[in-house]
């Protein structure tokens, strides 16, 4: 991170060296490489790369959005089944945006990497 008087610049390459477990409510659901995690009077901002291998949760895993999440699929394919039974295919090269409170069941079809921003 570069810091100058009143601003900061964060950097994350497309093939980061450092990945760490991404754990939600005690369950590891992939790995993350953080670009930025900030919480202040303006709210929360988190951004980075997230990856998940197909074999990690072959029957799917819970997917919930706290805040608003927008992401771009860099690699792979996944499917989200909503609570009403509808399914949405998430494909490489496309962007998606989910609003606060969205929940569903995530199934990774092909090893998956996304660049995400949660605000």
Protein backbone atom coordinates (compact mmCIF):
# COMPACT_ATOMS: atom_id res chain seq x y z
CA UNK A 1 0.00 0.00 0.00
CA UNK A 2 1.21 3.48 -0.91
CA UNK A 3 0.34 6.28 1.53
CA UNK A 4 0.55 9.94 0.66
CA UNK A 5 -0.69 12.80 2.85
CA UNK A 6 -4.46 12.52 2.31
CA UNK A 7 -4.84 9.35 0.21
CA UNK A 8 -3.88 5.69 -0.02
CA UNK A 9 -3.39 3.45 -3.05
CA UNK A 10 -3.89 -0.30 -2.71
CA UNK A 11 -2.50 -2.92 -5.12
CA UNK A 12 -3.30 -6.58 -5.79
CA UNK A 13 -1.85 -8.47 -8.76
CA UNK A 14 -3.85 -10.95 -10.81
CA UNK A 15 -1.87 -13.90 -9.40
CA UNK A 16 -1.33 -13.06 -5.72
CA UNK A 17 1.21 -14.96 -3.62
CA UNK A 18 -0.85 -14.74 -0.44
CA UNK A 19 -4.19 -16.53 -0.05
CA UNK A 20 -5.90 -17.14 3.27
CA UNK A 21 -8.93 -19.19 4.28
CA UNK A 22 -12.23 -17.34 3.93
CA UNK A 23 -14.30 -18.35 6.95
CA UNK A 24 -17.94 -17.47 7.55
CA UNK A 25 -19.66 -18.59 10.76
CA UNK A 26 -16.90 -21.13 11.41
CA UNK A 27 -17.07 -22.69 7.92
CA UNK A 28 -14.23 -22.31 5.43
CA UNK A 29 -15.78 -21.36 2.10
CA UNK A 30 -12.85 -20.83 -0.22
CA UNK A 31 -9.75 -18.67 -0.06
CA UNK A 32 -9.33 -14.91 -0.32
CA UNK A 33 -6.57 -12.49 -1.21
CA UNK A 34 -7.50 -9.05 0.10
CA UNK A 35 -7.02 -5.85 -1.84
CA UNK A 36 -8.68 -3.76 0.86
CA UNK A 37 -10.73 -4.04 4.04
CA UNK A 38 -11.98 -0.75 5.49
CA UNK A 39 -14.58 0.19 8.07
CA UNK A 40 -15.20 3.80 9.08
CA UNK A 41 -18.01 6.34 9.51
CA UNK A 42 -18.86 5.94 5.81
CA UNK A 43 -19.45 2.19 6.16
CA UNK A 44 -17.64 -0.95 5.10
CA UNK A 45 -15.61 -1.58 1.99
CA UNK A 46 -13.99 -4.92 1.21
CA UNK A 47 -12.40 -5.89 -2.10
CA UNK A 48 -10.19 -8.67 -3.33
CA UNK A 49 -9.96 -11.99 -5.09
CA UNK A 50 -11.91 -15.05 -3.91
CA UNK A 51 -11.42 -18.58 -5.17
CA UNK A 52 -13.20 -21.86 -4.63
CA UNK A 53 -12.42 -25.32 -5.96
CA UNK A 54 -15.22 -27.54 -7.17
CA UNK A 55 -14.25 -30.40 -4.86
CA UNK A 56 -14.31 -28.25 -1.70
CA UNK A 57 -18.12 -28.38 -1.36
CA UNK A 58 -19.43 -30.77 -4.03
CA UNK A 59 -23.02 -30.51 -2.73
CA UNK A 60 -22.97 -26.72 -2.47
CA UNK A 61 -22.59 -24.26 0.38
CA UNK A 62 -24.63 -21.39 1.80
CA UNK A 63 -24.16 -18.03 0.09
CA UNK A 64 -25.25 -14.88 1.87
CA UNK A 65 -24.60 -11.22 1.19
CA UNK A 66 -23.93 -8.78 4.05
CA UNK A 67 -23.80 -5.41 2.36
CA UNK A 68 -23.96 -5.17 -1.42
CA UNK A 69 -21.63 -7.44 -3.39
CA UNK A 70 -20.60 -6.87 -6.97
CA UNK A 71 -18.13 -9.18 -8.67
CA UNK A 72 -16.51 -10.07 -11.97
CA UNK A 73 -15.86 -13.74 -12.75
CA UNK A 74 -12.23 -14.14 -13.80
CA UNK A 75 -12.29 -17.92 -14.09
CA UNK A 76 -14.70 -20.81 -13.82
CA UNK A 77 -18.40 -21.32 -13.46
CA UNK A 78 -20.83 -21.55 -10.56
CA UNK A 79 -24.55 -21.77 -9.97
CA UNK A 80 -26.64 -20.12 -7.29
CA UNK A 81 -29.98 -21.58 -6.28
CA UNK A 82 -32.25 -19.02 -4.65
CA UNK A 83 -34.54 -19.74 -1.73
CA UNK A 84 -37.42 -19.95 -4.22
CA UNK A 85 -35.67 -22.71 -6.22
CA UNK A 86 -34.60 -20.56 -9.17
CA UNK A 87 -31.04 -21.04 -10.44
CA UNK A 88 -28.62 -18.54 -11.91
CA UNK A 89 -25.48 -19.53 -13.81
CA UNK A 90 -22.39 -17.41 -13.04
CA UNK A 91 -20.01 -17.53 -15.99
CA UNK A 92 -16.46 -16.41 -16.70
CA UNK A 93 -16.26 -12.91 -18.18
CA UNK A 94 -19.55 -11.70 -16.67
CA UNK A 95 -20.33 -9.35 -13.78
CA UNK A 96 -23.01 -9.80 -11.13
CA UNK A 97 -24.36 -7.65 -8.31
CA UNK A 98 -26.31 -8.87 -5.27
CA UNK A 99 -28.09 -6.66 -2.78
CA UNK A 100 -27.81 -6.79 1.00
CA UNK A 101 -29.58 -9.79 2.51
CA UNK A 102 -29.55 -12.04 -0.56
CA UNK A 103 -29.18 -15.73 0.32
CA UNK A 104 -28.96 -18.92 -1.67
CA UNK A 105 -27.03 -22.13 -2.24
CA UNK A 106 -23.71 -21.79 -4.11
CA UNK A 107 -22.45 -24.67 -6.27
CA UNK A 108 -19.06 -24.36 -7.97
CA UNK A 109 -19.22 -26.14 -11.34
CA UNK A 110 -15.65 -25.31 -12.48
CA UNK A 111 -12.84 -23.98 -10.26
CA UNK A 112 -13.85 -20.37 -9.67
CA UNK A 113 -12.08 -17.05 -9.13
CA UNK A 114 -13.84 -13.68 -8.81
CA UNK A 115 -12.79 -10.12 -8.14
CA UNK A 116 -15.32 -8.76 -5.64
CA UNK A 117 -16.30 -5.52 -3.95
CA UNK A 118 -18.60 -5.47 -0.91
CA UNK A 119 -19.92 -2.15 0.32
